[in-house]
Amino acid sequence: MFETIQHCDFTCHHKATPQRRLQEICVEEWARILGTSEAHVTVKGQFYMGLHLLRMVPFRLKVSEEQALYALANGVRWISRALAAA
């Protein structure tokens, strides 16, 4: 999952990606439910996914450092994407 480069620099490798159509359906339905645009739903989803992952860090750290780093790195990545798109 992680490839350590130097002490605290690392690269995260993703193996699974959601099916594009399933993601589109979820975004379309939540846009309809919330009465907002699909772009807005996407940004909200990215932001809240990031928050969820960051909240998981202490719990994942009890399991392993690798899981904690995964949650931290991906939490930052999702929030960064949301902020860039906002």
N, C-alpha and C. Protein backbone atom coordinates (compact mmCIF):
# COMPACT_ATOMS: atom_id res chain seq x y z
N MET A 1 0.79 -1.18 0.00
CA MET A 1 0.00 0.00 0.00
C MET A 1 0.85 1.27 0.00
N PHE A 2 1.90 1.28 0.82
CA PHE A 2 2.80 2.42 0.86
C PHE A 2 4.19 2.00 0.43
N GLU A 3 4.84 2.90 -0.22
CA GLU A 3 6.23 2.69 -0.60
C GLU A 3 7.01 3.82 0.06
N THR A 4 7.81 3.50 1.08
CA THR A 4 8.55 4.52 1.79
C THR A 4 9.73 4.98 0.94
N ILE A 5 9.87 6.27 0.81
CA ILE A 5 10.96 6.82 0.01
C ILE A 5 12.09 7.27 0.93
N GLN A 6 11.81 8.19 1.83
CA GLN A 6 12.78 8.63 2.83
C GLN A 6 12.00 8.96 4.10
N HIS A 7 12.37 8.44 5.18
CA HIS A 7 11.78 8.64 6.50
C HIS A 7 10.29 8.96 6.48
N CYS A 8 9.90 10.18 6.19
CA CYS A 8 8.48 10.53 6.27
C CYS A 8 7.88 10.87 4.90
N ASP A 9 8.60 10.65 3.83
CA ASP A 9 8.05 10.83 2.49
C ASP A 9 7.58 9.48 1.98
N PHE A 10 6.36 9.40 1.48
CA PHE A 10 5.86 8.13 1.00
C PHE A 10 4.89 8.33 -0.15
N THR A 11 4.69 7.27 -0.88
CA THR A 11 3.76 7.26 -2.00
C THR A 11 2.66 6.27 -1.68
N CYS A 12 1.43 6.67 -1.92
CA CYS A 12 0.27 5.82 -1.65
C CYS A 12 -0.18 5.19 -2.96
N HIS A 13 -0.32 3.87 -2.98
CA HIS A 13 -0.75 3.16 -4.17
C HIS A 13 -2.18 2.67 -3.97
N HIS A 14 -3.05 2.99 -4.91
CA HIS A 14 -4.45 2.55 -4.84
C HIS A 14 -4.65 1.41 -5.83
N LYS A 15 -5.31 0.37 -5.38
CA LYS A 15 -5.53 -0.77 -6.25
C LYS A 15 -6.96 -0.84 -6.76
N ALA A 16 -7.91 -0.39 -5.97
CA ALA A 16 -9.31 -0.50 -6.35
C ALA A 16 -9.91 0.88 -6.60
N THR A 17 -10.68 1.00 -7.66
CA THR A 17 -11.40 2.24 -7.95
C THR A 17 -12.87 1.89 -8.13
N PRO A 18 -13.76 2.78 -7.68
CA PRO A 18 -15.18 2.49 -7.85
C PRO A 18 -15.58 2.53 -9.32
N GLN A 19 -16.59 1.79 -9.65
CA GLN A 19 -17.07 1.83 -11.03
C GLN A 19 -17.63 3.21 -11.31
N ARG A 20 -17.27 3.76 -12.43
CA ARG A 20 -17.64 5.13 -12.80
C ARG A 20 -19.16 5.32 -12.75
N ARG A 21 -19.93 4.40 -13.30
CA ARG A 21 -21.39 4.57 -13.35
C ARG A 21 -22.01 4.55 -11.96
N LEU A 22 -21.50 3.71 -11.07
CA LEU A 22 -22.01 3.66 -9.70
C LEU A 22 -21.78 5.00 -9.01
N GLN A 23 -20.62 5.57 -9.19
CA GLN A 23 -20.30 6.87 -8.61
C GLN A 23 -21.23 7.94 -9.18
N GLU A 24 -21.47 7.92 -10.49
CA GLU A 24 -22.36 8.89 -11.11
C GLU A 24 -23.78 8.80 -10.56
N ILE A 25 -24.27 7.57 -10.38
CA ILE A 25 -25.61 7.38 -9.84
C ILE A 25 -25.71 7.95 -8.43
N CYS A 26 -24.72 7.68 -7.60
CA CYS A 26 -24.74 8.19 -6.23
C CYS A 26 -24.75 9.72 -6.21
N VAL A 27 -23.91 10.33 -7.02
CA VAL A 27 -23.84 11.79 -7.07
C VAL A 27 -25.16 12.37 -7.60
N GLU A 28 -25.72 11.77 -8.65
CA GLU A 28 -26.99 12.25 -9.21
C GLU A 28 -28.10 12.18 -8.17
N GLU A 29 -28.19 11.08 -7.46
CA GLU A 29 -29.26 10.90 -6.47
C GLU A 29 -29.11 11.86 -5.29
N TRP A 30 -27.88 12.03 -4.80
CA TRP A 30 -27.69 12.95 -3.69
C TRP A 30 -27.93 14.39 -4.12
N ALA A 31 -27.60 14.74 -5.35
CA ALA A 31 -27.90 16.09 -5.85
C ALA A 31 -29.40 16.31 -5.85
N ARG A 32 -30.15 15.30 -6.26
CA ARG A 32 -31.61 15.39 -6.27
C ARG A 32 -32.14 15.51 -4.84
N ILE A 33 -31.64 14.68 -3.94
CA ILE A 33 -32.10 14.69 -2.55
C ILE A 33 -31.80 16.03 -1.88
N LEU A 34 -30.59 16.55 -2.08
CA LEU A 34 -30.18 17.80 -1.43
C LEU A 34 -30.65 19.04 -2.18
N GLY A 35 -31.13 18.87 -3.41
CA GLY A 35 -31.58 20.01 -4.20
C GLY A 35 -30.44 20.94 -4.58
N THR A 36 -29.32 20.38 -4.95
CA THR A 36 -28.15 21.17 -5.32
C THR A 36 -27.49 20.55 -6.55
N SER A 37 -26.42 21.16 -7.01
CA SER A 37 -25.75 20.67 -8.21
C SER A 37 -24.90 19.44 -7.91
N GLU A 38 -24.62 18.68 -8.95
CA GLU A 38 -23.76 17.50 -8.81
C GLU A 38 -22.34 17.90 -8.42
N ALA A 39 -21.87 19.04 -8.91
CA ALA A 39 -20.54 19.52 -8.56
C ALA A 39 -20.46 19.82 -7.06
N HIS A 40 -21.52 20.41 -6.52
CA HIS A 40 -21.56 20.72 -5.10
C HIS A 40 -21.57 19.44 -4.26
N VAL A 41 -22.32 18.46 -4.68
CA VAL A 41 -22.36 17.17 -3.98
C VAL A 41 -20.99 16.52 -3.99
N THR A 42 -20.30 16.58 -5.12
CA THR A 42 -18.97 15.99 -5.23
C THR A 42 -18.00 16.65 -4.26
N VAL A 43 -18.02 17.98 -4.20
CA VAL A 43 -17.12 18.70 -3.29
C VAL A 43 -17.45 18.35 -1.84
N LYS A 44 -18.73 18.31 -1.50
CA LYS A 44 -19.12 17.95 -0.13
C LYS A 44 -18.68 16.53 0.20
N GLY A 45 -18.87 15.62 -0.73
CA GLY A 45 -18.47 14.23 -0.52
C GLY A 45 -16.98 14.10 -0.29
N GLN A 46 -16.19 14.81 -1.08
CA GLN A 46 -14.74 14.76 -0.92
C GLN A 46 -14.32 15.33 0.44
N PHE A 47 -14.93 16.45 0.83
CA PHE A 47 -14.59 17.08 2.09
C PHE A 47 -14.93 16.17 3.28
N TYR A 48 -16.14 15.63 3.28
CA TYR A 48 -16.55 14.78 4.40
C TYR A 48 -15.83 13.43 4.42
N MET A 49 -15.45 12.94 3.26
CA MET A 49 -14.63 11.72 3.22
C MET A 49 -13.28 12.00 3.88
N GLY A 50 -12.70 13.14 3.56
CA GLY A 50 -11.43 13.53 4.17
C GLY A 50 -11.53 13.66 5.68
N LEU A 51 -12.59 14.30 6.15
CA LEU A 51 -12.78 14.42 7.60
C LEU A 51 -12.93 13.06 8.26
N HIS A 52 -13.69 12.20 7.63
CA HIS A 52 -13.89 10.85 8.17
C HIS A 52 -12.55 10.12 8.29
N LEU A 53 -11.74 10.19 7.26
CA LEU A 53 -10.45 9.51 7.28
C LEU A 53 -9.52 10.10 8.34
N LEU A 54 -9.52 11.43 8.49
CA LEU A 54 -8.67 12.04 9.51
C LEU A 54 -9.12 11.65 10.92
N ARG A 55 -10.41 11.51 11.13
CA ARG A 55 -10.91 11.08 12.44
C ARG A 55 -10.50 9.64 12.75
N MET A 56 -10.26 8.86 11.70
CA MET A 56 -9.89 7.45 11.89
C MET A 56 -8.44 7.25 12.32
N VAL A 57 -7.59 8.25 12.15
CA VAL A 57 -6.15 8.09 12.38
C VAL A 57 -5.82 7.49 13.75
N PRO A 58 -6.35 8.01 14.86
CA PRO A 58 -5.98 7.42 16.16
C PRO A 58 -6.40 5.95 16.29
N PHE A 59 -7.54 5.62 15.74
CA PHE A 59 -8.02 4.24 15.83
C PHE A 59 -7.20 3.30 14.95
N ARG A 60 -6.85 3.76 13.76
CA ARG A 60 -6.03 2.95 12.85
C ARG A 60 -4.62 2.81 13.38
N LEU A 61 -4.13 3.81 14.11
CA LEU A 61 -2.79 3.74 14.67
C LEU A 61 -2.68 2.61 15.70
N LYS A 62 -3.79 2.31 16.36
CA LYS A 62 -3.78 1.19 17.32
C LYS A 62 -3.61 -0.15 16.60
N VAL A 63 -4.00 -0.18 15.33
CA VAL A 63 -3.86 -1.41 14.54
C VAL A 63 -2.47 -1.48 13.93
N SER A 64 -2.10 -0.43 13.18
CA SER A 64 -0.75 -0.40 12.61
C SER A 64 -0.43 1.00 12.13
N GLU A 65 0.85 1.29 12.05
CA GLU A 65 1.30 2.60 11.56
C GLU A 65 0.93 2.77 10.09
N GLU A 66 1.00 1.69 9.34
CA GLU A 66 0.66 1.76 7.91
C GLU A 66 -0.80 2.17 7.71
N GLN A 67 -1.71 1.61 8.51
CA GLN A 67 -3.12 1.98 8.39
C GLN A 67 -3.35 3.44 8.78
N ALA A 68 -2.65 3.91 9.80
CA ALA A 68 -2.77 5.30 10.22
C ALA A 68 -2.26 6.24 9.13
N LEU A 69 -1.13 5.89 8.52
CA LEU A 69 -0.59 6.71 7.43
C LEU A 69 -1.54 6.72 6.23
N TYR A 70 -2.15 5.59 5.95
CA TYR A 70 -3.11 5.52 4.85
C TYR A 70 -4.27 6.47 5.11
N ALA A 71 -4.85 6.42 6.32
CA ALA A 71 -5.97 7.29 6.66
C ALA A 71 -5.55 8.76 6.61
N LEU A 72 -4.38 9.08 7.13
CA LEU A 72 -3.89 10.45 7.14
C LEU A 72 -3.65 10.97 5.73
N ALA A 73 -2.92 10.21 4.93
CA ALA A 73 -2.60 10.64 3.58
C ALA A 73 -3.85 10.82 2.72
N ASN A 74 -4.76 9.88 2.82
CA ASN A 74 -5.97 9.99 2.01
C ASN A 74 -6.93 11.04 2.54
N GLY A 75 -6.96 11.26 3.84
CA GLY A 75 -7.77 12.34 4.39
C GLY A 75 -7.32 13.69 3.86
N VAL A 76 -6.02 13.91 3.89
CA VAL A 76 -5.46 15.16 3.37
C VAL A 76 -5.73 15.27 1.86
N ARG A 77 -5.59 14.17 1.15
CA ARG A 77 -5.81 14.18 -0.31
C ARG A 77 -7.24 14.56 -0.65
N TRP A 78 -8.23 13.96 0.05
CA TRP A 78 -9.64 14.26 -0.25
C TRP A 78 -10.01 15.69 0.11
N ILE A 79 -9.52 16.19 1.24
CA ILE A 79 -9.81 17.58 1.62
C ILE A 79 -9.14 18.53 0.65
N SER A 80 -7.94 18.23 0.22
CA SER A 80 -7.24 19.06 -0.77
C SER A 80 -8.02 19.13 -2.09
N ARG A 81 -8.53 18.01 -2.53
CA ARG A 81 -9.34 17.98 -3.75
C ARG A 81 -10.59 18.83 -3.59
N ALA A 82 -11.25 18.72 -2.43
CA ALA A 82 -12.46 19.50 -2.19
C ALA A 82 -12.15 20.99 -2.20
N LEU A 83 -11.05 21.40 -1.55
CA LEU A 83 -10.70 22.80 -1.50
C LEU A 83 -10.30 23.34 -2.87
N ALA A 84 -9.63 22.51 -3.66
CA ALA A 84 -9.23 22.93 -5.00
C ALA A 84 -10.44 23.12 -5.92
N ALA A 85 -11.47 22.31 -5.70
CA ALA A 85 -12.66 22.37 -6.55
C ALA A 85 -13.66 23.45 -6.09
N ALA A 86 -13.54 23.87 -4.84
CA ALA A 86 -14.51 24.84 -4.29
C ALA A 86 -14.33 26.24 -4.82
